[in-house]
Amino acid sequence: MKILALAGGISLLALLALAVWLWTPDRDRAALEAVYLRAPGELRQVGPWRLHLRDTGPRDAPAILFIHGFGSSLHTWEAWATALESTYRVVRFDLPGCGLSDPDPVGDYTDERSLQLIVAVMDSLGLAKASIAGHSIGGRLAWTFAARHPERVERLVLVAPDGFASPGFEYGRAADVPASLALMRYMLPRPLLTMSLEPAYADASVMTPALATRYHEMMLAPGAREAMLARMRQTVLTDPVPQLRGIQVPTLLIWGKQDAMIPFANADDYLGALPNARLSALPGVGHVPHEERAELGLAALRGFLKATQGK
């Protein structure tokens, strides 16, 4: 009996130790802003949203608005933005509840709400039109915005865009968020997050400690994890083909051929539906080409922007 009691005590201590290791509280917002905010003016009130928004490059240059993907932030575009901002006005922002942007004030993370946000961002910056670029779910928002607001879009750049049905995401119904995933609200140690992010890159070495730290700390911003879960629960996909067929602006698809998150085969679905699209397929690259091999996607993007200027 003493042995059993001792074993039970050791097991309880092990469980407590595991719980302490897994427990991951929010980071202090001021501490995050001290690291990831370039200037206080980047925090802007846009309609009901308090956003982290970065607006660089000549104000009279053609504008490109970048929309990041799930669990990401405006920092994901750093390499492309730095390369483009000498000749383009580059606008990027954290979606509500992502990065340094506050959660949505009414907890609405539907695509409809996000489209209203994009309109509000453009209006607040005096942008009647812009090229819109989006990655993953940001790609879905970008092409949906182009379909709904064609008068506001000059060109469209879709980087491994979301939108077609896949396992766990059917048309017409919200995805089921497993309880194990919901636990990330309380338990998100960096090693576990790193393991979950590595498959997004064909070359796992791209997930450096610095990059892992940035993703981890952005997800620990106050309210960020609740917002991520809410966005998943509120996402309802519809068949994208009818909307895609109506998009007439020049469109560039940039897709890593080793994408393990959204299959490269979906590129053919987009090419078949979009009237004016071209594809830049990147061999040996995963789901986040603008981070993994920024120079490859950037070359394709530069060529596209130059070829379609004024069209």
C-alpha atoms as a PDB file:
ATOM      1  CA  MET A   1       0.000   0.000   0.000  1.00  0.00           C
ATOM      2  CA  LYS A   2       2.859   2.357   0.807  1.00  0.00           C
ATOM      3  CA  ILE A   3       4.334   1.667  -2.637  1.00  0.00           C
ATOM      4  CA  LEU A   4       0.980   2.412  -4.295  1.00  0.00           C
ATOM      5  CA  ALA A   5       0.618   5.603  -2.272  1.00  0.00           C
ATOM      6  CA  LEU A   6       4.142   6.655  -3.229  1.00  0.00           C
ATOM      7  CA  ALA A   7       3.472   5.894  -6.887  1.00  0.00           C
ATOM      8  CA  GLY A   8       0.254   7.880  -6.734  1.00  0.00           C
ATOM      9  CA  GLY A   9       2.065  10.790  -5.173  1.00  0.00           C
ATOM     10  CA  ILE A  10       4.751  10.739  -7.835  1.00  0.00           C
ATOM     11  CA  SER A  11       2.077  10.614 -10.583  1.00  0.00           C
ATOM     12  CA  LEU A  12       0.284  13.589  -9.072  1.00  0.00           C
ATOM     13  CA  LEU A  13       3.524  15.543  -8.888  1.00  0.00           C
ATOM     14  CA  ALA A  14       4.266  14.635 -12.509  1.00  0.00           C
ATOM     15  CA  LEU A  15       0.828  15.835 -13.586  1.00  0.00           C
ATOM     16  CA  LEU A  16       1.252  19.064 -11.645  1.00  0.00           C
ATOM     17  CA  ALA A  17       4.680  19.600 -13.202  1.00  0.00           C
ATOM     18  CA  LEU A  18       3.211  18.977 -16.669  1.00  0.00           C
ATOM     19  CA  ALA A  19       0.362  21.392 -15.992  1.00  0.00           C
ATOM     20  CA  VAL A  20       2.814  24.070 -14.867  1.00  0.00           C
ATOM     21  CA  TRP A  21       4.903  23.535 -18.035  1.00  0.00           C
ATOM     22  CA  LEU A  22       1.835  23.661 -20.292  1.00  0.00           C
ATOM     23  CA  TRP A  23       0.147  26.622 -18.609  1.00  0.00           C
ATOM     24  CA  THR A  24       0.696  29.662 -20.827  1.00  0.00           C
ATOM     25  CA  PRO A  25      -0.767  32.981 -19.684  1.00  0.00           C
ATOM     26  CA  ASP A  26      -1.198  36.019 -21.915  1.00  0.00           C
ATOM     27  CA  ARG A  27       1.734  38.362 -22.435  1.00  0.00           C
ATOM     28  CA  ASP A  28       1.524  41.936 -21.254  1.00  0.00           C
ATOM     29  CA  ARG A  29       0.373  44.094 -24.188  1.00  0.00           C
ATOM     30  CA  ALA A  30       2.741  46.955 -23.382  1.00  0.00           C
ATOM     31  CA  ALA A  31       5.686  44.551 -23.367  1.00  0.00           C
ATOM     32  CA  LEU A  32       4.673  43.196 -26.776  1.00  0.00           C
ATOM     33  CA  GLU A  33       4.289  46.692 -28.195  1.00  0.00           C
ATOM     34  CA  ALA A  34       7.767  47.579 -26.942  1.00  0.00           C
ATOM     35  CA  VAL A  35       9.196  44.804 -29.136  1.00  0.00           C
ATOM     36  CA  TYR A  36       6.932  44.682 -32.196  1.00  0.00           C
ATOM     37  CA  LEU A  37       5.636  48.240 -32.631  1.00  0.00           C
ATOM     38  CA  ARG A  38       7.808  50.602 -34.675  1.00  0.00           C
ATOM     39  CA  ALA A  39       6.018  53.767 -33.603  1.00  0.00           C
ATOM     40  CA  PRO A  40       2.962  54.645 -31.469  1.00  0.00           C
ATOM     41  CA  GLY A  41       1.234  56.001 -34.593  1.00  0.00           C
ATOM     42  CA  GLU A  42       0.967  52.476 -35.971  1.00  0.00           C
ATOM     43  CA  LEU A  43      -1.876  51.870 -33.512  1.00  0.00           C
ATOM     44  CA  ARG A  44      -4.905  53.398 -35.196  1.00  0.00           C
ATOM     45  CA  GLN A  45      -8.603  53.608 -34.522  1.00  0.00           C
ATOM     46  CA  VAL A  46     -10.333  52.585 -37.744  1.00  0.00           C
ATOM     47  CA  GLY A  47     -14.094  52.665 -37.248  1.00  0.00           C
ATOM     48  CA  PRO A  48     -14.824  50.402 -34.260  1.00  0.00           C
ATOM     49  CA  TRP A  49     -11.460  48.607 -34.526  1.00  0.00           C
ATOM     50  CA  ARG A  50      -8.156  49.471 -32.868  1.00  0.00           C
ATOM     51  CA  LEU A  51      -5.601  48.147 -35.329  1.00  0.00           C
ATOM     52  CA  HIS A  52      -1.879  47.739 -35.691  1.00  0.00           C
ATOM     53  CA  LEU A  53      -1.407  49.206 -39.182  1.00  0.00           C
ATOM     54  CA  ARG A  54       1.837  49.889 -41.030  1.00  0.00           C
ATOM     55  CA  ASP A  55       1.735  52.278 -44.010  1.00  0.00           C
ATOM     56  CA  THR A  56       5.074  52.808 -45.781  1.00  0.00           C
ATOM     57  CA  GLY A  57       6.351  54.038 -49.132  1.00  0.00           C
ATOM     58  CA  PRO A  58       5.477  57.123 -51.210  1.00  0.00           C
ATOM     59  CA  ARG A  59       1.911  58.292 -50.583  1.00  0.00           C
ATOM     60  CA  ASP A  60       1.378  59.047 -54.275  1.00  0.00           C
ATOM     61  CA  ALA A  61       2.670  55.643 -55.465  1.00  0.00           C
ATOM     62  CA  PRO A  62       0.416  52.723 -56.482  1.00  0.00           C
ATOM     63  CA  ALA A  63      -0.837  51.076 -53.308  1.00  0.00           C
ATOM     64  CA  ILE A  64      -0.646  47.407 -52.315  1.00  0.00           C
ATOM     65  CA  LEU A  65      -2.646  46.212 -49.320  1.00  0.00           C
ATOM     66  CA  PHE A  66      -1.465  42.955 -47.724  1.00  0.00           C
ATOM     67  CA  ILE A  67      -3.716  40.661 -45.638  1.00  0.00           C
ATOM     68  CA  HIS A  68      -2.013  37.990 -43.521  1.00  0.00           C
ATOM     69  CA  GLY A  69      -3.152  34.446 -42.821  1.00  0.00           C
ATOM     70  CA  PHE A  70      -4.510  32.574 -39.800  1.00  0.00           C
ATOM     71  CA  GLY A  71      -2.528  33.036 -36.582  1.00  0.00           C
ATOM     72  CA  SER A  72      -0.128  35.439 -38.284  1.00  0.00           C
ATOM     73  CA  SER A  73       0.499  39.190 -38.284  1.00  0.00           C
ATOM     74  CA  LEU A  74       1.647  41.991 -40.561  1.00  0.00           C
ATOM     75  CA  HIS A  75       5.257  40.983 -39.797  1.00  0.00           C
ATOM     76  CA  THR A  76       4.893  37.982 -42.105  1.00  0.00           C
ATOM     77  CA  TRP A  77       5.195  40.370 -45.092  1.00  0.00           C
ATOM     78  CA  GLU A  78       8.386  42.056 -43.882  1.00  0.00           C
ATOM     79  CA  ALA A  79      10.700  40.846 -46.666  1.00  0.00           C
ATOM     80  CA  TRP A  80       8.291  41.738 -49.463  1.00  0.00           C
ATOM     81  CA  ALA A  81       7.257  45.049 -47.907  1.00  0.00           C
ATOM     82  CA  THR A  82      10.856  46.158 -47.428  1.00  0.00           C
ATOM     83  CA  ALA A  83      11.672  45.339 -51.056  1.00  0.00           C
ATOM     84  CA  LEU A  84       8.591  47.063 -52.494  1.00  0.00           C
ATOM     85  CA  GLU A  85       8.198  50.187 -50.386  1.00  0.00           C
ATOM     86  CA  SER A  86      10.658  52.275 -52.386  1.00  0.00           C
ATOM     87  CA  THR A  87       8.307  52.271 -55.387  1.00  0.00           C
ATOM     88  CA  TYR A  88       4.907  51.306 -53.939  1.00  0.00           C
ATOM     89  CA  ARG A  89       2.761  52.436 -51.061  1.00  0.00           C
ATOM     90  CA  VAL A  90       2.682  49.298 -48.903  1.00  0.00           C
ATOM     91  CA  VAL A  91      -0.155  48.904 -46.423  1.00  0.00           C
ATOM     92  CA  ARG A  92      -0.395  45.973 -44.020  1.00  0.00           C
ATOM     93  CA  PHE A  93      -2.303  45.481 -40.813  1.00  0.00           C
ATOM     94  CA  ASP A  94      -3.053  42.902 -38.146  1.00  0.00           C
ATOM     95  CA  LEU A  95      -6.558  41.516 -38.401  1.00  0.00           C
ATOM     96  CA  PRO A  96      -8.624  42.060 -35.214  1.00  0.00           C
ATOM     97  CA  GLY A  97      -7.432  39.727 -32.486  1.00  0.00           C
ATOM     98  CA  CYS A  98      -4.159  39.053 -34.324  1.00  0.00           C
ATOM     99  CA  GLY A  99      -0.739  40.497 -33.631  1.00  0.00           C
ATOM    100  CA  LEU A 100      -1.065  43.839 -31.886  1.00  0.00           C
ATOM    101  CA  SER A 101      -4.609  44.612 -33.033  1.00  0.00           C
ATOM    102  CA  ASP A 102      -7.253  44.482 -30.322  1.00  0.00           C
ATOM    103  CA  PRO A 103      -9.919  41.772 -30.561  1.00  0.00           C
ATOM    104  CA  ASP A 104     -13.066  42.710 -32.462  1.00  0.00           C
ATOM    105  CA  PRO A 105     -15.181  44.827 -30.073  1.00  0.00           C
ATOM    106  CA  VAL A 106     -18.300  42.703 -30.636  1.00  0.00           C
ATOM    107  CA  GLY A 107     -16.526  39.367 -31.162  1.00  0.00           C
ATOM    108  CA  ASP A 108     -17.472  39.150 -34.844  1.00  0.00           C
ATOM    109  CA  TYR A 109     -14.819  37.359 -36.922  1.00  0.00           C
ATOM    110  CA  THR A 110     -16.937  36.429 -39.930  1.00  0.00           C
ATOM    111  CA  ASP A 111     -15.770  37.141 -43.462  1.00  0.00           C
ATOM    112  CA  GLU A 112     -18.521  39.756 -43.823  1.00  0.00           C
ATOM    113  CA  ARG A 113     -17.089  41.681 -40.894  1.00  0.00           C
ATOM    114  CA  SER A 114     -13.577  41.392 -42.364  1.00  0.00           C
ATOM    115  CA  LEU A 115     -14.775  42.823 -45.686  1.00  0.00           C
ATOM    116  CA  GLN A 116     -16.233  45.800 -43.809  1.00  0.00           C
ATOM    117  CA  LEU A 117     -12.856  46.190 -42.124  1.00  0.00           C
ATOM    118  CA  ILE A 118     -10.968  46.294 -45.431  1.00  0.00           C
ATOM    119  CA  VAL A 119     -13.301  48.994 -46.733  1.00  0.00           C
ATOM    120  CA  ALA A 120     -12.800  50.970 -43.520  1.00  0.00           C
ATOM    121  CA  VAL A 121      -8.999  50.640 -43.726  1.00  0.00           C
ATOM    122  CA  MET A 122      -8.909  51.853 -47.325  1.00  0.00           C
ATOM    123  CA  ASP A 123     -11.291  54.727 -46.585  1.00  0.00           C
ATOM    124  CA  SER A 124      -9.269  55.795 -43.543  1.00  0.00           C
ATOM    125  CA  LEU A 125      -6.131  55.980 -45.703  1.00  0.00           C
ATOM    126  CA  GLY A 126      -7.821  57.735 -48.609  1.00  0.00           C
ATOM    127  CA  LEU A 127      -7.328  54.783 -50.952  1.00  0.00           C
ATOM    128  CA  ALA A 128     -10.006  54.666 -53.627  1.00  0.00           C
ATOM    129  CA  LYS A 129      -8.305  51.632 -55.208  1.00  0.00           C
ATOM    130  CA  ALA A 130      -5.383  49.343 -54.422  1.00  0.00           C
ATOM    131  CA  SER A 131      -3.836  46.070 -55.406  1.00  0.00           C
ATOM    132  CA  ILE A 132      -4.937  43.514 -52.814  1.00  0.00           C
ATOM    133  CA  ALA A 133      -2.654  40.665 -51.740  1.00  0.00           C
ATOM    134  CA  GLY A 134      -3.600  37.962 -49.280  1.00  0.00           C
ATOM    135  CA  HIS A 135      -2.172  34.745 -47.880  1.00  0.00           C
ATOM    136  CA  SER A 136      -4.186  31.685 -46.839  1.00  0.00           C
ATOM    137  CA  ILE A 137      -7.385  32.972 -45.174  1.00  0.00           C
ATOM    138  CA  GLY A 138      -6.125  36.431 -46.084  1.00  0.00           C
ATOM    139  CA  GLY A 139      -6.203  35.187 -49.678  1.00  0.00           C
ATOM    140  CA  ARG A 140      -9.827  34.151 -49.231  1.00  0.00           C
ATOM    141  CA  LEU A 141     -10.636  37.602 -47.896  1.00  0.00           C
ATOM    142  CA  ALA A 142      -8.716  39.202 -50.787  1.00  0.00           C
ATOM    143  CA  TRP A 143     -10.570  37.382 -53.555  1.00  0.00           C
ATOM    144  CA  THR A 144     -13.920  37.774 -51.802  1.00  0.00           C
ATOM    145  CA  PHE A 145     -13.259  41.511 -51.500  1.00  0.00           C
ATOM    146  CA  ALA A 146     -12.375  41.660 -55.212  1.00  0.00           C
ATOM    147  CA  ALA A 147     -15.637  39.890 -56.076  1.00  0.00           C
ATOM    148  CA  ARG A 148     -17.755  42.157 -53.860  1.00  0.00           C
ATOM    149  CA  HIS A 149     -15.936  45.454 -54.430  1.00  0.00           C
ATOM    150  CA  PRO A 150     -14.404  45.323 -57.933  1.00  0.00           C
ATOM    151  CA  GLU A 151     -14.296  49.115 -58.084  1.00  0.00           C
ATOM    152  CA  ARG A 152     -11.758  49.148 -55.225  1.00  0.00           C
ATOM    153  CA  VAL A 153      -9.320  46.556 -56.644  1.00  0.00           C
ATOM    154  CA  GLU A 154      -6.657  47.153 -59.299  1.00  0.00           C
ATOM    155  CA  ARG A 155      -4.902  43.773 -59.151  1.00  0.00           C
ATOM    156  CA  LEU A 156      -5.152  40.664 -57.047  1.00  0.00           C
ATOM    157  CA  VAL A 157      -2.317  38.587 -55.574  1.00  0.00           C
ATOM    158  CA  LEU A 158      -3.281  35.295 -53.935  1.00  0.00           C
ATOM    159  CA  VAL A 159      -0.615  33.438 -51.967  1.00  0.00           C
ATOM    160  CA  ALA A 160      -1.762  29.860 -51.279  1.00  0.00           C
ATOM    161  CA  PRO A 161      -5.318  31.129 -50.822  1.00  0.00           C
ATOM    162  CA  ASP A 162      -8.004  29.424 -48.785  1.00  0.00           C
ATOM    163  CA  GLY A 163     -11.546  28.993 -50.084  1.00  0.00           C
ATOM    164  CA  PHE A 164     -12.189  25.541 -51.504  1.00  0.00           C
ATOM    165  CA  ALA A 165     -13.623  22.846 -49.233  1.00  0.00           C
ATOM    166  CA  SER A 166     -11.195  20.507 -47.492  1.00  0.00           C
ATOM    167  CA  PRO A 167     -11.423  17.878 -44.736  1.00  0.00           C
ATOM    168  CA  GLY A 168     -13.002  19.558 -41.720  1.00  0.00           C
ATOM    169  CA  PHE A 169     -14.231  22.534 -43.742  1.00  0.00           C
ATOM    170  CA  GLU A 170     -17.354  21.780 -45.747  1.00  0.00           C
ATOM    171  CA  TYR A 171     -19.444  24.282 -47.645  1.00  0.00           C
ATOM    172  CA  GLY A 172     -22.335  25.772 -45.742  1.00  0.00           C
ATOM    173  CA  ARG A 173     -21.368  24.827 -42.189  1.00  0.00           C
ATOM    174  CA  ALA A 174     -18.921  25.994 -39.581  1.00  0.00           C
ATOM    175  CA  ALA A 175     -16.012  23.739 -38.714  1.00  0.00           C
ATOM    176  CA  ASP A 176     -16.053  21.757 -35.495  1.00  0.00           C
ATOM    177  CA  VAL A 177     -13.272  23.006 -33.237  1.00  0.00           C
ATOM    178  CA  PRO A 178     -12.024  20.018 -31.215  1.00  0.00           C
ATOM    179  CA  ALA A 179     -11.797  20.437 -27.471  1.00  0.00           C
ATOM    180  CA  SER A 180      -8.088  19.651 -27.616  1.00  0.00           C
ATOM    181  CA  LEU A 181      -7.542  22.694 -29.832  1.00  0.00           C
ATOM    182  CA  ALA A 182      -9.664  24.871 -27.575  1.00  0.00           C
ATOM    183  CA  LEU A 183      -7.250  24.068 -24.751  1.00  0.00           C
ATOM    184  CA  MET A 184      -4.676  26.314 -26.416  1.00  0.00           C
ATOM    185  CA  ARG A 185      -6.441  29.184 -24.663  1.00  0.00           C
ATOM    186  CA  TYR A 186      -4.709  27.974 -21.505  1.00  0.00           C
ATOM    187  CA  MET A 187      -1.857  25.794 -22.730  1.00  0.00           C
ATOM    188  CA  LEU A 188       0.432  26.909 -25.549  1.00  0.00           C
ATOM    189  CA  PRO A 189       4.112  26.310 -24.690  1.00  0.00           C
ATOM    190  CA  ARG A 190       6.467  27.440 -27.422  1.00  0.00           C
ATOM    191  CA  PRO A 191       7.875  23.952 -28.241  1.00  0.00           C
ATOM    192  CA  LEU A 192       4.380  22.641 -29.000  1.00  0.00           C
ATOM    193  CA  LEU A 193       3.549  25.656 -31.144  1.00  0.00           C
ATOM    194  CA  THR A 194       6.827  25.281 -33.027  1.00  0.00           C
ATOM    195  CA  MET A 195       6.017  21.651 -33.768  1.00  0.00           C
ATOM    196  CA  SER A 196       2.614  22.658 -35.149  1.00  0.00           C
ATOM    197  CA  LEU A 197       4.090  25.412 -37.338  1.00  0.00           C
ATOM    198  CA  GLU A 198       7.008  23.479 -38.843  1.00  0.00           C
ATOM    199  CA  PRO A 199       4.859  21.589 -41.422  1.00  0.00           C
ATOM    200  CA  ALA A 200       3.992  24.961 -42.985  1.00  0.00           C
ATOM    201  CA  TYR A 201       7.554  25.103 -44.348  1.00  0.00           C
ATOM    202  CA  ALA A 202       9.079  22.627 -46.771  1.00  0.00           C
ATOM    203  CA  ASP A 203      12.416  23.479 -45.172  1.00  0.00           C
ATOM    204  CA  ALA A 204      11.861  23.095 -41.420  1.00  0.00           C
ATOM    205  CA  SER A 205      15.054  25.030 -40.689  1.00  0.00           C
ATOM    206  CA  VAL A 206      13.185  28.200 -41.701  1.00  0.00           C
ATOM    207  CA  MET A 207      11.396  27.954 -38.345  1.00  0.00           C
ATOM    208  CA  THR A 208      14.237  29.634 -36.500  1.00  0.00           C
ATOM    209  CA  PRO A 209      14.038  30.389 -32.774  1.00  0.00           C
ATOM    210  CA  ALA A 210      13.441  34.060 -33.593  1.00  0.00           C
ATOM    211  CA  LEU A 211      10.555  33.270 -35.957  1.00  0.00           C
ATOM    212  CA  ALA A 212       9.038  30.801 -33.501  1.00  0.00           C
ATOM    213  CA  THR A 213       9.274  33.403 -30.740  1.00  0.00           C
ATOM    214  CA  ARG A 214       7.492  36.003 -32.851  1.00  0.00           C
ATOM    215  CA  TYR A 215       4.611  33.683 -33.718  1.00  0.00           C
ATOM    216  CA  HIS A 216       4.366  32.522 -30.118  1.00  0.00           C
ATOM    217  CA  GLU A 217       4.350  35.984 -28.615  1.00  0.00           C
ATOM    218  CA  MET A 218       1.816  37.296 -31.127  1.00  0.00           C
ATOM    219  CA  MET A 219      -0.525  34.438 -30.196  1.00  0.00           C
ATOM    220  CA  LEU A 220      -0.132  35.299 -26.523  1.00  0.00           C
ATOM    221  CA  ALA A 221      -1.379  38.867 -26.953  1.00  0.00           C
ATOM    222  CA  PRO A 222      -4.418  39.480 -24.733  1.00  0.00           C
ATOM    223  CA  GLY A 223      -7.520  38.080 -26.430  1.00  0.00           C
ATOM    224  CA  ALA A 224      -5.627  36.626 -29.389  1.00  0.00           C
ATOM    225  CA  ARG A 225      -6.317  32.978 -28.658  1.00  0.00           C
ATOM    226  CA  GLU A 226     -10.023  33.548 -28.025  1.00  0.00           C
ATOM    227  CA  ALA A 227     -10.148  35.455 -31.341  1.00  0.00           C
ATOM    228  CA  MET A 228      -8.446  32.614 -33.224  1.00  0.00           C
ATOM    229  CA  LEU A 229     -10.914  30.078 -31.879  1.00  0.00           C
ATOM    230  CA  ALA A 230     -13.861  32.369 -32.603  1.00  0.00           C
ATOM    231  CA  ARG A 231     -12.662  32.957 -36.167  1.00  0.00           C
ATOM    232  CA  MET A 232     -12.514  29.208 -36.733  1.00  0.00           C
ATOM    233  CA  ARG A 233     -15.984  28.666 -35.261  1.00  0.00           C
ATOM    234  CA  GLN A 234     -17.488  31.517 -37.288  1.00  0.00           C
ATOM    235  CA  THR A 235     -15.962  30.620 -40.661  1.00  0.00           C
ATOM    236  CA  VAL A 236     -18.548  29.209 -43.064  1.00  0.00           C
ATOM    237  CA  LEU A 237     -17.252  28.475 -46.568  1.00  0.00           C
ATOM    238  CA  THR A 238     -19.414  28.711 -49.667  1.00  0.00           C
ATOM    239  CA  ASP A 239     -18.617  27.396 -53.133  1.00  0.00           C
ATOM    240  CA  PRO A 240     -16.080  29.985 -54.363  1.00  0.00           C
ATOM    241  CA  VAL A 241     -16.474  29.349 -58.103  1.00  0.00           C
ATOM    242  CA  PRO A 242     -19.433  31.709 -58.774  1.00  0.00           C
ATOM    243  CA  GLN A 243     -17.619  34.609 -57.128  1.00  0.00           C
ATOM    244  CA  LEU A 244     -14.247  33.805 -58.679  1.00  0.00           C
ATOM    245  CA  ARG A 245     -15.730  33.755 -62.185  1.00  0.00           C
ATOM    246  CA  GLY A 246     -16.825  37.354 -61.783  1.00  0.00           C
ATOM    247  CA  ILE A 247     -13.355  38.693 -60.901  1.00  0.00           C
ATOM    248  CA  GLN A 248     -11.956  40.434 -63.972  1.00  0.00           C
ATOM    249  CA  VAL A 249      -8.820  42.116 -62.589  1.00  0.00           C
ATOM    250  CA  PRO A 250      -5.388  40.644 -63.355  1.00  0.00           C
ATOM    251  CA  THR A 251      -4.632  37.990 -60.751  1.00  0.00           C
ATOM    252  CA  LEU A 252      -1.402  36.316 -59.710  1.00  0.00           C
ATOM    253  CA  LEU A 253      -1.362  33.030 -57.825  1.00  0.00           C
ATOM    254  CA  ILE A 254       1.825  32.286 -55.876  1.00  0.00           C
ATOM    255  CA  TRP A 255       1.944  28.766 -54.505  1.00  0.00           C
ATOM    256  CA  GLY A 256       4.582  26.509 -52.999  1.00  0.00           C
ATOM    257  CA  LYS A 257       4.466  23.091 -54.644  1.00  0.00           C
ATOM    258  CA  GLN A 258       5.189  21.415 -51.286  1.00  0.00           C
ATOM    259  CA  ASP A 259       2.340  23.168 -49.475  1.00  0.00           C
ATOM    260  CA  ALA A 260       1.192  20.824 -46.691  1.00  0.00           C
ATOM    261  CA  MET A 261      -1.597  23.121 -45.467  1.00  0.00           C
ATOM    262  CA  ILE A 262      -3.592  24.013 -48.592  1.00  0.00           C
ATOM    263  CA  PRO A 263      -2.807  21.602 -51.423  1.00  0.00           C
ATOM    264  CA  PHE A 264      -0.997  22.937 -54.470  1.00  0.00           C
ATOM    265  CA  ALA A 265      -3.601  21.085 -56.562  1.00  0.00           C
ATOM    266  CA  ASN A 266      -6.081  23.821 -55.608  1.00  0.00           C
ATOM    267  CA  ALA A 267      -4.148  26.157 -57.903  1.00  0.00           C
ATOM    268  CA  ASP A 268      -5.806  24.431 -60.858  1.00  0.00           C
ATOM    269  CA  ASP A 269      -9.213  25.074 -59.295  1.00  0.00           C
ATOM    270  CA  TYR A 270      -8.449  28.782 -59.134  1.00  0.00           C
ATOM    271  CA  LEU A 271      -7.006  28.910 -62.642  1.00  0.00           C
ATOM    272  CA  GLY A 272     -10.132  27.203 -63.926  1.00  0.00           C
ATOM    273  CA  ALA A 273     -12.434  29.711 -62.251  1.00  0.00           C
ATOM    274  CA  LEU A 274     -10.582  33.034 -62.488  1.00  0.00           C
ATOM    275  CA  PRO A 275     -10.869  34.647 -65.956  1.00  0.00           C
ATOM    276  CA  ASN A 276      -7.570  36.553 -65.844  1.00  0.00           C
ATOM    277  CA  ALA A 277      -5.161  34.596 -63.658  1.00  0.00           C
ATOM    278  CA  ARG A 278      -1.623  33.301 -63.922  1.00  0.00           C
ATOM    279  CA  LEU A 279       0.308  30.963 -61.641  1.00  0.00           C
ATOM    280  CA  SER A 280       3.802  31.163 -60.199  1.00  0.00           C
ATOM    281  CA  ALA A 281       4.550  27.673 -58.856  1.00  0.00           C
ATOM    282  CA  LEU A 282       7.497  27.539 -56.467  1.00  0.00           C
ATOM    283  CA  PRO A 283       9.278  24.156 -56.257  1.00  0.00           C
ATOM    284  CA  GLY A 284      10.564  23.053 -52.872  1.00  0.00           C
ATOM    285  CA  VAL A 285       8.488  25.664 -51.044  1.00  0.00           C
ATOM    286  CA  GLY A 286       5.700  25.181 -48.507  1.00  0.00           C
ATOM    287  CA  HIS A 287       2.678  27.159 -47.366  1.00  0.00           C
ATOM    288  CA  VAL A 288       4.408  30.448 -46.486  1.00  0.00           C
ATOM    289  CA  PRO A 289       6.568  31.342 -49.512  1.00  0.00           C
ATOM    290  CA  HIS A 290       6.949  34.996 -48.511  1.00  0.00           C
ATOM    291  CA  GLU A 291       8.805  33.807 -45.401  1.00  0.00           C
ATOM    292  CA  GLU A 292      10.437  30.603 -46.640  1.00  0.00           C
ATOM    293  CA  ARG A 293      11.801  31.756 -50.003  1.00  0.00           C
ATOM    294  CA  ALA A 294      10.853  35.417 -50.121  1.00  0.00           C
ATOM    295  CA  GLU A 295      13.037  36.156 -53.148  1.00  0.00           C
ATOM    296  CA  LEU A 296      11.243  33.614 -55.373  1.00  0.00           C
ATOM    297  CA  GLY A 297       7.756  34.941 -54.749  1.00  0.00           C
ATOM    298  CA  LEU A 298       9.007  38.512 -54.853  1.00  0.00           C
ATOM    299  CA  ALA A 299      10.447  38.038 -58.335  1.00  0.00           C
ATOM    300  CA  ALA A 300       7.089  36.759 -59.556  1.00  0.00           C
ATOM    301  CA  LEU A 301       5.259  39.584 -57.809  1.00  0.00           C
ATOM    302  CA  ARG A 302       7.518  42.283 -59.246  1.00  0.00           C
ATOM    303  CA  GLY A 303       7.100  40.907 -62.750  1.00  0.00           C
ATOM    304  CA  PHE A 304       3.337  40.760 -62.378  1.00  0.00           C
ATOM    305  CA  LEU A 305       3.056  44.307 -61.048  1.00  0.00           C
ATOM    306  CA  LYS A 306       5.219  45.645 -63.853  1.00  0.00           C
ATOM    307  CA  ALA A 307       3.392  43.712 -66.579  1.00  0.00           C
ATOM    308  CA  THR A 308      -0.071  44.746 -65.387  1.00  0.00           C
ATOM    309  CA  GLN A 309       0.659  48.387 -64.508  1.00  0.00           C
ATOM    310  CA  GLY A 310      -2.186  50.532 -65.797  1.00  0.00           C
ATOM    311  CA  LYS A 311      -4.301  47.587 -67.004  1.00  0.00           C
END
